[in-house]
């Protein structure tokens, strides 16, 4: 986690964090998204280990922040919306 001065524009803000995704297109037509959460007060950059094939929704970011920035559940794939929702629901019991 680091600070950066060259950040993309925020798509939305949730609980003191700005969600700023970076779209990447490879020469062979592969497309991916790097997810960045920027803590508004400090400028700290957090890179969620979330699927690179779709954007995070506001609910995804809310769940990610609520859960304390979790890491992947499975060695072979990053977190998904479903993973975050299940983790949040199990923590509320």
Protein backbone atom coordinates (compact mmCIF):
# COMPACT_ATOMS: atom_id res chain seq x y z
CA UNK A 1 0.00 0.00 0.00
CA UNK A 2 1.50 3.24 -1.15
CA UNK A 3 0.69 6.80 -2.02
CA UNK A 4 0.50 7.92 -5.61
CA UNK A 5 0.14 11.30 -7.28
CA UNK A 6 -1.01 10.04 -10.71
CA UNK A 7 -4.38 8.43 -10.09
CA UNK A 8 -7.38 7.91 -12.36
CA UNK A 9 -10.61 9.80 -11.72
CA UNK A 10 -12.84 8.48 -8.93
CA UNK A 11 -15.94 6.58 -10.06
CA UNK A 12 -17.53 6.90 -6.61
CA UNK A 13 -16.74 7.30 -2.90
CA UNK A 14 -17.65 4.96 -0.05
CA UNK A 15 -16.89 5.45 3.66
CA UNK A 16 -13.83 7.65 3.16
CA UNK A 17 -12.46 5.73 0.15
CA UNK A 18 -12.45 6.65 -3.54
CA UNK A 19 -12.82 3.82 -6.05
CA UNK A 20 -10.50 4.50 -8.98
CA UNK A 21 -10.25 1.60 -11.45
CA UNK A 22 -7.57 1.47 -14.13
CA UNK A 23 -8.54 -0.19 -17.41
CA UNK A 24 -5.80 -2.14 -19.15
CA UNK A 25 -5.95 -3.34 -22.74
CA UNK A 26 -3.32 -5.75 -24.00
CA UNK A 27 -2.19 -5.86 -27.66
CA UNK A 28 -3.90 -9.23 -28.17
CA UNK A 29 -7.32 -7.77 -27.20
CA UNK A 30 -7.20 -8.95 -23.60
CA UNK A 31 -8.84 -6.51 -21.25
CA UNK A 32 -8.59 -6.23 -17.48
CA UNK A 33 -9.25 -3.83 -14.64
CA UNK A 34 -6.87 -2.95 -11.82
CA UNK A 35 -8.87 -1.89 -8.79
CA UNK A 36 -7.62 0.95 -6.60
CA UNK A 37 -9.14 2.27 -3.39
CA UNK A 38 -7.71 5.56 -2.21
CA UNK A 39 -8.17 6.59 1.40
CA UNK A 40 -9.41 10.16 1.07
CA UNK A 41 -7.69 11.53 4.20
CA UNK A 42 -4.23 10.05 3.73
CA UNK A 43 -4.03 9.25 0.02
CA UNK A 44 -3.08 5.67 0.87
CA UNK A 45 -3.53 3.35 -2.14
CA UNK A 46 -5.09 -0.09 -1.56
CA UNK A 47 -5.23 -2.66 -4.36
CA UNK A 48 -8.13 -5.05 -3.71
CA UNK A 49 -7.55 -8.60 -4.94
CA UNK A 50 -10.87 -8.53 -6.85
CA UNK A 51 -11.65 -10.15 -10.19
CA UNK A 52 -10.03 -8.13 -12.99
CA UNK A 53 -12.86 -8.85 -15.43
CA UNK A 54 -15.48 -6.48 -13.98
CA UNK A 55 -15.71 -3.27 -11.99
CA UNK A 56 -16.42 -3.26 -8.28
CA UNK A 57 -19.88 -1.95 -7.38
CA UNK A 58 -20.56 0.40 -4.47
CA UNK A 59 -21.83 -2.63 -2.54
CA UNK A 60 -18.62 -4.55 -3.32
CA UNK A 61 -16.51 -1.67 -1.99
CA UNK A 62 -18.73 -1.30 1.10
CA UNK A 63 -18.36 -5.02 1.82
CA UNK A 64 -14.61 -4.95 1.16
CA UNK A 65 -14.10 -2.03 3.58
CA UNK A 66 -16.47 -3.52 6.19
CA UNK A 67 -14.54 -6.81 6.10
CA UNK A 68 -11.21 -5.06 6.69
CA UNK A 69 -9.70 -5.49 3.20
CA UNK A 70 -9.80 -9.30 2.95
CA UNK A 71 -7.54 -11.39 0.72
CA UNK A 72 -8.63 -14.14 -1.64
CA UNK A 73 -10.50 -17.17 -0.31
CA UNK A 74 -9.16 -19.53 -2.95
CA UNK A 75 -5.57 -19.83 -4.04
CA UNK A 76 -6.56 -20.05 -7.70
CA UNK A 77 -8.82 -16.97 -8.06
CA UNK A 78 -9.32 -13.44 -6.73
CA UNK A 79 -12.37 -12.31 -4.78
CA UNK A 80 -15.72 -11.79 -6.47
CA UNK A 81 -18.95 -9.99 -5.55
CA UNK A 82 -20.37 -13.33 -4.38
CA UNK A 83 -17.35 -14.01 -2.15
CA UNK A 84 -17.64 -10.60 -0.49
CA UNK A 85 -21.39 -10.97 0.00
CA UNK A 86 -21.00 -14.44 1.56
CA UNK A 87 -18.19 -13.23 3.84
CA UNK A 88 -20.27 -10.24 4.95
CA UNK A 89 -23.34 -12.38 5.61
CA UNK A 90 -21.36 -14.91 7.64
CA UNK A 91 -19.76 -12.14 9.73
CA UNK A 92 -23.20 -10.73 10.62
CA UNK A 93 -24.31 -13.90 12.38
